[in-house]
PDB file of N, CA and C in Angstrom:
ATOM      1  N   MET A   1       0.834  -1.181   0.000  1.00  0.00           N
ATOM      2  CA  MET A   1       0.000   0.000   0.000  1.00  0.00           C
ATOM      3  C   MET A   1       0.878   1.242   0.000  1.00  0.00           C
ATOM      4  N   PRO A   2       0.474   2.265  -0.724  1.00  0.00           N
ATOM      5  CA  PRO A   2       1.224   3.507  -0.688  1.00  0.00           C
ATOM      6  C   PRO A   2       1.112   4.138   0.691  1.00  0.00           C
ATOM      7  N   THR A   3       2.163   4.768   1.146  1.00  0.00           N
ATOM      8  CA  THR A   3       2.140   5.386   2.473  1.00  0.00           C
ATOM      9  C   THR A   3       2.167   6.889   2.415  1.00  0.00           C
ATOM     10  N   GLY A   4       2.467   7.457   1.287  1.00  0.00           N
ATOM     11  CA  GLY A   4       2.499   8.904   1.154  1.00  0.00           C
ATOM     12  C   GLY A   4       3.340   9.302  -0.031  1.00  0.00           C
ATOM     13  N   ALA A   5       3.213  10.526  -0.423  1.00  0.00           N
ATOM     14  CA  ALA A   5       3.945  11.011  -1.589  1.00  0.00           C
ATOM     15  C   ALA A   5       5.442  10.960  -1.338  1.00  0.00           C
ATOM     16  N   GLY A   6       6.159  10.304  -2.217  1.00  0.00           N
ATOM     17  CA  GLY A   6       7.609  10.255  -2.126  1.00  0.00           C
ATOM     18  C   GLY A   6       8.156   9.173  -1.211  1.00  0.00           C
ATOM     19  N   ASP A   7       7.299   8.538  -0.436  1.00  0.00           N
ATOM     20  CA  ASP A   7       7.778   7.472   0.447  1.00  0.00           C
ATOM     21  C   ASP A   7       7.975   6.199  -0.357  1.00  0.00           C
ATOM     22  N   GLU A   8       9.136   5.634  -0.238  1.00  0.00           N
ATOM     23  CA  GLU A   8       9.406   4.370  -0.917  1.00  0.00           C
ATOM     24  C   GLU A   8       9.671   3.306   0.135  1.00  0.00           C
ATOM     25  N   GLU A   9       9.095   2.149  -0.083  1.00  0.00           N
ATOM     26  CA  GLU A   9       9.256   1.056   0.870  1.00  0.00           C
ATOM     27  C   GLU A   9      10.635   0.438   0.727  1.00  0.00           C
ATOM     28  N   LYS A  10      11.277   0.234   1.831  1.00  0.00           N
ATOM     29  CA  LYS A  10      12.590  -0.404   1.831  1.00  0.00           C
ATOM     30  C   LYS A  10      12.396  -1.897   1.595  1.00  0.00           C
ATOM     31  N   PRO A  11      13.223  -2.518   0.745  1.00  0.00           N
ATOM     32  CA  PRO A  11      13.021  -3.937   0.409  1.00  0.00           C
ATOM     33  C   PRO A  11      13.055  -4.859   1.627  1.00  0.00           C
ATOM     34  N   TYR A  12      13.823  -4.507   2.621  1.00  0.00           N
ATOM     35  CA  TYR A  12      13.920  -5.381   3.796  1.00  0.00           C
ATOM     36  C   TYR A  12      12.757  -5.182   4.758  1.00  0.00           C
ATOM     37  N   LEU A  13      11.871  -4.212   4.493  1.00  0.00           N
ATOM     38  CA  LEU A  13      10.694  -3.992   5.328  1.00  0.00           C
ATOM     39  C   LEU A  13       9.417  -4.512   4.680  1.00  0.00           C
ATOM     40  N   TYR A  14       9.541  -5.166   3.553  1.00  0.00           N
ATOM     41  CA  TYR A  14       8.394  -5.653   2.795  1.00  0.00           C
ATOM     42  C   TYR A  14       7.778  -6.881   3.469  1.00  0.00           C
ATOM     43  N   THR A  15       6.435  -6.906   3.527  1.00  0.00           N
ATOM     44  CA  THR A  15       5.735  -8.072   4.067  1.00  0.00           C
ATOM     45  C   THR A  15       4.742  -8.592   3.036  1.00  0.00           C
ATOM     46  N   ASP A  16       4.543  -9.875   3.016  1.00  0.00           N
ATOM     47  CA  ASP A  16       3.608 -10.489   2.065  1.00  0.00           C
ATOM     48  C   ASP A  16       2.165 -10.476   2.564  1.00  0.00           C
ATOM     49  N   THR A  17       1.977 -10.321   3.863  1.00  0.00           N
ATOM     50  CA  THR A  17       0.628 -10.439   4.417  1.00  0.00           C
ATOM     51  C   THR A  17       0.115  -9.140   5.038  1.00  0.00           C
ATOM     52  N   GLU A  18       0.716  -8.027   4.695  1.00  0.00           N
ATOM     53  CA  GLU A  18       0.292  -6.757   5.278  1.00  0.00           C
ATOM     54  C   GLU A  18      -1.176  -6.446   4.970  1.00  0.00           C
ATOM     55  N   ASP A  19      -1.578  -6.637   3.719  1.00  0.00           N
ATOM     56  CA  ASP A  19      -2.980  -6.402   3.356  1.00  0.00           C
ATOM     57  C   ASP A  19      -3.907  -7.355   4.102  1.00  0.00           C
ATOM     58  N   LEU A  20      -3.499  -8.590   4.218  1.00  0.00           N
ATOM     59  CA  LEU A  20      -4.307  -9.590   4.920  1.00  0.00           C
ATOM     60  C   LEU A  20      -4.474  -9.200   6.392  1.00  0.00           C
ATOM     61  N   LYS A  21      -3.400  -8.768   7.022  1.00  0.00           N
ATOM     62  CA  LYS A  21      -3.450  -8.338   8.429  1.00  0.00           C
ATOM     63  C   LYS A  21      -4.352  -7.114   8.585  1.00  0.00           C
ATOM     64  N   MET A  22      -4.241  -6.186   7.646  1.00  0.00           N
ATOM     65  CA  MET A  22      -5.049  -4.981   7.693  1.00  0.00           C
ATOM     66  C   MET A  22      -6.536  -5.325   7.570  1.00  0.00           C
ATOM     67  N   VAL A  23      -6.877  -6.228   6.652  1.00  0.00           N
ATOM     68  CA  VAL A  23      -8.272  -6.657   6.474  1.00  0.00           C
ATOM     69  C   VAL A  23      -8.758  -7.410   7.708  1.00  0.00           C
ATOM     70  N   ALA A  24      -7.929  -8.275   8.254  1.00  0.00           N
ATOM     71  CA  ALA A  24      -8.319  -9.047   9.440  1.00  0.00           C
ATOM     72  C   ALA A  24      -8.595  -8.118  10.620  1.00  0.00           C
ATOM     73  N   ASP A  25      -7.734  -7.131  10.830  1.00  0.00           N
ATOM     74  CA  ASP A  25      -7.937  -6.190  11.934  1.00  0.00           C
ATOM     75  C   ASP A  25      -9.182  -5.337  11.716  1.00  0.00           C
ATOM     76  N   TYR A  26      -9.378  -4.879  10.502  1.00  0.00           N
ATOM     77  CA  TYR A  26     -10.508  -4.006  10.177  1.00  0.00           C
ATOM     78  C   TYR A  26     -11.841  -4.752  10.262  1.00  0.00           C
ATOM     79  N   SER A  27     -11.884  -5.963   9.718  1.00  0.00           N
ATOM     80  CA  SER A  27     -13.142  -6.716   9.647  1.00  0.00           C
ATOM     81  C   SER A  27     -13.361  -7.634  10.853  1.00  0.00           C
ATOM     82  N   ARG A  28     -12.327  -7.806  11.665  1.00  0.00           N
ATOM     83  CA  ARG A  28     -12.359  -8.717  12.824  1.00  0.00           C
ATOM     84  C   ARG A  28     -12.581 -10.173  12.415  1.00  0.00           C
ATOM     85  N   LEU A  29     -12.110 -10.486  11.205  1.00  0.00           N
ATOM     86  CA  LEU A  29     -12.116 -11.870  10.752  1.00  0.00           C
ATOM     87  C   LEU A  29     -10.723 -12.441  10.988  1.00  0.00           C
ATOM     88  N   ASN A  30     -10.618 -13.765  11.122  1.00  0.00           N
ATOM     89  CA  ASN A  30      -9.286 -14.345  11.237  1.00  0.00           C
ATOM     90  C   ASN A  30      -8.704 -14.527   9.829  1.00  0.00           C
ATOM     91  N   PHE A  31      -7.419 -14.862   9.755  1.00  0.00           N
ATOM     92  CA  PHE A  31      -6.749 -14.968   8.454  1.00  0.00           C
ATOM     93  C   PHE A  31      -7.465 -15.957   7.530  1.00  0.00           C
ATOM     94  N   ASN A  32      -7.861 -17.102   8.059  1.00  0.00           N
ATOM     95  CA  ASN A  32      -8.531 -18.098   7.221  1.00  0.00           C
ATOM     96  C   ASN A  32      -9.844 -17.574   6.664  1.00  0.00           C
ATOM     97  N   GLU A  33     -10.616 -16.869   7.486  1.00  0.00           N
ATOM     98  CA  GLU A  33     -11.878 -16.301   7.014  1.00  0.00           C
ATOM     99  C   GLU A  33     -11.629 -15.247   5.934  1.00  0.00           C
ATOM    100  N   CYS A  34     -10.588 -14.467   6.107  1.00  0.00           N
ATOM    101  CA  CYS A  34     -10.233 -13.464   5.095  1.00  0.00           C
ATOM    102  C   CYS A  34      -9.849 -14.128   3.772  1.00  0.00           C
ATOM    103  N   LEU A  35      -9.121 -15.221   3.866  1.00  0.00           N
ATOM    104  CA  LEU A  35      -8.690 -15.925   2.650  1.00  0.00           C
ATOM    105  C   LEU A  35      -9.857 -16.595   1.932  1.00  0.00           C
ATOM    106  N   GLU A  36     -10.955 -16.854   2.634  1.00  0.00           N
ATOM    107  CA  GLU A  36     -12.126 -17.474   2.020  1.00  0.00           C
ATOM    108  C   GLU A  36     -13.063 -16.465   1.361  1.00  0.00           C
ATOM    109  N   LEU A  37     -12.804 -15.167   1.563  1.00  0.00           N
ATOM    110  CA  LEU A  37     -13.647 -14.145   0.939  1.00  0.00           C
ATOM    111  C   LEU A  37     -13.464 -14.159  -0.571  1.00  0.00           C
ATOM    112  N   ASN A  38     -14.511 -13.778  -1.297  1.00  0.00           N
ATOM    113  CA  ASN A  38     -14.329 -13.669  -2.741  1.00  0.00           C
ATOM    114  C   ASN A  38     -13.441 -12.452  -3.028  1.00  0.00           C
ATOM    115  N   CYS A  39     -12.879 -12.422  -4.193  1.00  0.00           N
ATOM    116  CA  CYS A  39     -11.893 -11.410  -4.562  1.00  0.00           C
ATOM    117  C   CYS A  39     -12.457  -9.993  -4.438  1.00  0.00           C
ATOM    118  N   TYR A  40     -13.681  -9.786  -4.887  1.00  0.00           N
ATOM    119  CA  TYR A  40     -14.278  -8.459  -4.850  1.00  0.00           C
ATOM    120  C   TYR A  40     -14.441  -7.973  -3.410  1.00  0.00           C
ATOM    121  N   THR A  41     -14.974  -8.808  -2.547  1.00  0.00           N
ATOM    122  CA  THR A  41     -15.184  -8.435  -1.150  1.00  0.00           C
ATOM    123  C   THR A  41     -13.851  -8.157  -0.468  1.00  0.00           C
ATOM    124  N   TYR A  42     -12.871  -9.005  -0.727  1.00  0.00           N
ATOM    125  CA  TYR A  42     -11.553  -8.819  -0.126  1.00  0.00           C
ATOM    126  C   TYR A  42     -10.946  -7.484  -0.548  1.00  0.00           C
ATOM    127  N   LYS A  43     -10.982  -7.177  -1.847  1.00  0.00           N
ATOM    128  CA  LYS A  43     -10.402  -5.924  -2.341  1.00  0.00           C
ATOM    129  C   LYS A  43     -11.147  -4.709  -1.786  1.00  0.00           C
ATOM    130  N   CYS A  44     -12.466  -4.814  -1.637  1.00  0.00           N
ATOM    131  CA  CYS A  44     -13.230  -3.720  -1.029  1.00  0.00           C
ATOM    132  C   CYS A  44     -12.804  -3.507   0.419  1.00  0.00           C
ATOM    133  N   LEU A  45     -12.584  -4.593   1.133  1.00  0.00           N
ATOM    134  CA  LEU A  45     -12.141  -4.483   2.528  1.00  0.00           C
ATOM    135  C   LEU A  45     -10.717  -3.925   2.622  1.00  0.00           C
ATOM    136  N   VAL A  46      -9.847  -4.291   1.683  1.00  0.00           N
ATOM    137  CA  VAL A  46      -8.493  -3.727   1.664  1.00  0.00           C
ATOM    138  C   VAL A  46      -8.585  -2.216   1.494  1.00  0.00           C
ATOM    139  N   ARG A  47      -9.390  -1.785   0.538  1.00  0.00           N
ATOM    140  CA  ARG A  47      -9.551  -0.354   0.275  1.00  0.00           C
ATOM    141  C   ARG A  47     -10.104   0.367   1.510  1.00  0.00           C
ATOM    142  N   ASP A  48     -11.177  -0.161   2.081  1.00  0.00           N
ATOM    143  CA  ASP A  48     -11.798   0.477   3.243  1.00  0.00           C
ATOM    144  C   ASP A  48     -10.856   0.497   4.444  1.00  0.00           C
ATOM    145  N   ALA A  49     -10.133  -0.595   4.664  1.00  0.00           N
ATOM    146  CA  ALA A  49      -9.198  -0.660   5.786  1.00  0.00           C
ATOM    147  C   ALA A  49      -8.070   0.359   5.609  1.00  0.00           C
ATOM    148  N   PHE A  50      -7.586   0.507   4.380  1.00  0.00           N
ATOM    149  CA  PHE A  50      -6.522   1.468   4.103  1.00  0.00           C
ATOM    150  C   PHE A  50      -7.007   2.896   4.362  1.00  0.00           C
ATOM    151  N   ILE A  51      -8.207   3.217   3.873  1.00  0.00           N
ATOM    152  CA  ILE A  51      -8.762   4.553   4.089  1.00  0.00           C
ATOM    153  C   ILE A  51      -8.976   4.803   5.576  1.00  0.00           C
ATOM    154  N   TYR A  52      -9.500   3.817   6.278  1.00  0.00           N
ATOM    155  CA  TYR A  52      -9.707   3.937   7.723  1.00  0.00           C
ATOM    156  C   TYR A  52      -8.389   4.218   8.446  1.00  0.00           C
ATOM    157  N   LYS A  53      -7.352   3.506   8.059  1.00  0.00           N
ATOM    158  CA  LYS A  53      -6.033   3.681   8.670  1.00  0.00           C
ATOM    159  C   LYS A  53      -5.469   5.077   8.363  1.00  0.00           C
ATOM    160  N   MET A  54      -5.619   5.533   7.138  1.00  0.00           N
ATOM    161  CA  MET A  54      -5.071   6.831   6.744  1.00  0.00           C
ATOM    162  C   MET A  54      -5.819   7.992   7.400  1.00  0.00           C
ATOM    163  N   ARG A  55      -7.105   7.815   7.675  1.00  0.00           N
ATOM    164  CA  ARG A  55      -7.894   8.890   8.279  1.00  0.00           C
ATOM    165  C   ARG A  55      -7.528   9.166   9.731  1.00  0.00           C
ATOM    166  N   LYS A  56      -6.667   8.375  10.308  1.00  0.00           N
ATOM    167  CA  LYS A  56      -6.304   8.545  11.716  1.00  0.00           C
ATOM    168  C   LYS A  56      -5.242   9.612  11.940  1.00  0.00           C
ATOM    169  N   THR A  57      -4.556  10.049  10.883  1.00  0.00           N
ATOM    170  CA  THR A  57      -3.515  11.064  11.041  1.00  0.00           C
ATOM    171  C   THR A  57      -3.765  12.226  10.078  1.00  0.00           C
ATOM    172  N   GLU A  58      -3.253  13.382  10.440  1.00  0.00           N
ATOM    173  CA  GLU A  58      -3.391  14.557   9.577  1.00  0.00           C
ATOM    174  C   GLU A  58      -2.682  14.337   8.242  1.00  0.00           C
ATOM    175  N   LYS A  59      -1.504  13.726   8.289  1.00  0.00           N
ATOM    176  CA  LYS A  59      -0.766  13.441   7.057  1.00  0.00           C
ATOM    177  C   LYS A  59      -1.550  12.468   6.169  1.00  0.00           C
ATOM    178  N   GLY A  60      -2.196  11.492   6.781  1.00  0.00           N
ATOM    179  CA  GLY A  60      -3.005  10.534   6.033  1.00  0.00           C
ATOM    180  C   GLY A  60      -4.209  11.187   5.389  1.00  0.00           C
ATOM    181  N   ILE A  61      -4.848  12.110   6.107  1.00  0.00           N
ATOM    182  CA  ILE A  61      -5.994  12.831   5.558  1.00  0.00           C
ATOM    183  C   ILE A  61      -5.555  13.670   4.368  1.00  0.00           C
ATOM    184  N   ASP A  62      -4.413  14.336   4.490  1.00  0.00           N
ATOM    185  CA  ASP A  62      -3.886  15.120   3.368  1.00  0.00           C
ATOM    186  C   ASP A  62      -3.615  14.224   2.167  1.00  0.00           C
ATOM    187  N   TYR A  63      -3.065  13.043   2.413  1.00  0.00           N
ATOM    188  CA  TYR A  63      -2.790  12.093   1.335  1.00  0.00           C
ATOM    189  C   TYR A  63      -4.079  11.663   0.636  1.00  0.00           C
ATOM    190  N   LEU A  64      -5.114  11.362   1.413  1.00  0.00           N
ATOM    191  CA  LEU A  64      -6.398  10.955   0.833  1.00  0.00           C
ATOM    192  C   LEU A  64      -7.035  12.087   0.026  1.00  0.00           C
ATOM    193  N   GLU A  65      -6.919  13.313   0.530  1.00  0.00           N
ATOM    194  CA  GLU A  65      -7.458  14.457  -0.206  1.00  0.00           C
ATOM    195  C   GLU A  65      -6.718  14.643  -1.529  1.00  0.00           C
ATOM    196  N   THR A  66      -5.403  14.463  -1.515  1.00  0.00           N
ATOM    197  CA  THR A  66      -4.616  14.557  -2.744  1.00  0.00           C
ATOM    198  C   THR A  66      -5.037  13.471  -3.727  1.00  0.00           C
ATOM    199  N   CYS A  67      -5.241  12.261  -3.237  1.00  0.00           N
ATOM    200  CA  CYS A  67      -5.700  11.168  -4.101  1.00  0.00           C
ATOM    201  C   CYS A  67      -7.038  11.502  -4.731  1.00  0.00           C
ATOM    202  N   TRP A  68      -7.946  12.055  -3.936  1.00  0.00           N
ATOM    203  CA  TRP A  68      -9.262  12.415  -4.457  1.00  0.00           C
ATOM    204  C   TRP A  68      -9.136  13.479  -5.535  1.00  0.00           C
ATOM    205  N   LEU A  69      -8.312  14.483  -5.273  1.00  0.00           N
ATOM    206  CA  LEU A  69      -8.134  15.548  -6.263  1.00  0.00           C
ATOM    207  C   LEU A  69      -7.562  15.011  -7.570  1.00  0.00           C
ATOM    208  N   LEU A  70      -6.627  14.089  -7.485  1.00  0.00           N
ATOM    209  CA  LEU A  70      -6.007  13.533  -8.683  1.00  0.00           C
ATOM    210  C   LEU A  70      -6.972  12.676  -9.501  1.00  0.00           C
ATOM    211  N   GLN A  71      -8.034  12.201  -8.884  1.00  0.00           N
ATOM    212  CA  GLN A  71      -9.021  11.386  -9.590  1.00  0.00           C
ATOM    213  C   GLN A  71     -10.045  12.231 -10.342  1.00  0.00           C
ATOM    214  N   GLN A  72     -10.126  13.520 -10.040  1.00  0.00           N
ATOM    215  CA  GLN A  72     -11.149  14.372 -10.637  1.00  0.00           C
ATOM    216  C   GLN A  72     -10.845  14.617 -12.111  1.00  0.00           C
ATOM    217  N   THR A  73     -11.864  14.472 -12.937  1.00  0.00           N
ATOM    218  CA  THR A  73     -11.699  14.660 -14.376  1.00  0.00           C
ATOM    219  C   THR A  73     -12.439  15.890 -14.890  1.00  0.00           C
ATOM    220  N   GLN A  74     -13.312  16.448 -14.067  1.00  0.00           N
ATOM    221  CA  GLN A  74     -14.073  17.639 -14.459  1.00  0.00           C
ATOM    222  C   GLN A  74     -13.628  18.825 -13.604  1.00  0.00           C
ATOM    223  N   PRO A  75     -13.496  20.009 -14.197  1.00  0.00           N
ATOM    224  CA  PRO A  75     -13.110  21.175 -13.402  1.00  0.00           C
ATOM    225  C   PRO A  75     -14.233  21.613 -12.466  1.00  0.00           C
ATOM    226  N   ASP A  76     -13.864  22.176 -11.334  1.00  0.00           N
ATOM    227  CA  ASP A  76     -14.840  22.740 -10.405  1.00  0.00           C
ATOM    228  C   ASP A  76     -15.089  24.179 -10.854  1.00  0.00           C
ATOM    229  N   ARG A  77     -16.079  24.337 -11.712  1.00  0.00           N
ATOM    230  CA  ARG A  77     -16.336  25.636 -12.343  1.00  0.00           C
ATOM    231  C   ARG A  77     -16.707  26.712 -11.324  1.00  0.00           C
ATOM    232  N   LYS A  78     -17.418  26.353 -10.279  1.00  0.00           N
ATOM    233  CA  LYS A  78     -17.796  27.324  -9.255  1.00  0.00           C
ATOM    234  C   LYS A  78     -16.558  27.887  -8.572  1.00  0.00           C
ATOM    235  N   LYS A  79     -15.646  27.023  -8.188  1.00  0.00           N
ATOM    236  CA  LYS A  79     -14.398  27.468  -7.535  1.00  0.00           C
ATOM    237  C   LYS A  79     -13.548  28.309  -8.484  1.00  0.00           C
ATOM    238  N   LEU A  80     -13.507  27.916  -9.755  1.00  0.00           N
ATOM    239  CA  LEU A  80     -12.737  28.687 -10.732  1.00  0.00           C
ATOM    240  C   LEU A  80     -13.321  30.081 -10.917  1.00  0.00           C
ATOM    241  N   ARG A  81     -14.660  30.187 -10.951  1.00  0.00           N
ATOM    242  CA  ARG A  81     -15.297  31.513 -11.077  1.00  0.00           C
ATOM    243  C   ARG A  81     -15.030  32.376  -9.849  1.00  0.00           C
ATOM    244  N   GLU A  82     -15.049  31.737  -8.659  1.00  0.00           N
ATOM    245  CA  GLU A  82     -14.761  32.487  -7.438  1.00  0.00           C
ATOM    246  C   GLU A  82     -13.347  33.046  -7.459  1.00  0.00           C
ATOM    247  N   LYS A  83     -12.417  32.248  -7.951  1.00  0.00           N
ATOM    248  CA  LYS A  83     -11.011  32.654  -7.936  1.00  0.00           C
ATOM    249  C   LYS A  83     -10.653  33.624  -9.065  1.00  0.00           C
ATOM    250  N   PHE A  84     -11.168  33.364 -10.268  1.00  0.00           N
ATOM    251  CA  PHE A  84     -10.756  34.149 -11.435  1.00  0.00           C
ATOM    252  C   PHE A  84     -11.856  35.043 -11.997  1.00  0.00           C
ATOM    253  N   GLY A  85     -13.055  34.947 -11.475  1.00  0.00           N
ATOM    254  CA  GLY A  85     -14.165  35.735 -11.995  1.00  0.00           C
ATOM    255  C   GLY A  85     -14.811  35.044 -13.180  1.00  0.00           C
ATOM    256  N   SER A  86     -15.934  35.564 -13.632  1.00  0.00           N
ATOM    257  CA  SER A  86     -16.649  34.929 -14.735  1.00  0.00           C
ATOM    258  C   SER A  86     -16.274  35.528 -16.017  1.00  0.00           C
TER     259      SER A  86
END
């Protein structure tokens, strides 16, 4: 999982089950129950658990806001008019 802009994971700190642990903690399921979930449900829980974890810190909230902004494909015309006039 990404941890923030510019942060790179060190190869010796890499774990294979980090997502699984995050889902297990978030959903309160054990590892076996998590592994039995269908792919869609598991990926949704990974996403939700990651967002939940990031919302706990100010830096995480800033990261999530940046991610949201980068996903936008339409301009916010109201904000542009406020800033630059019509």
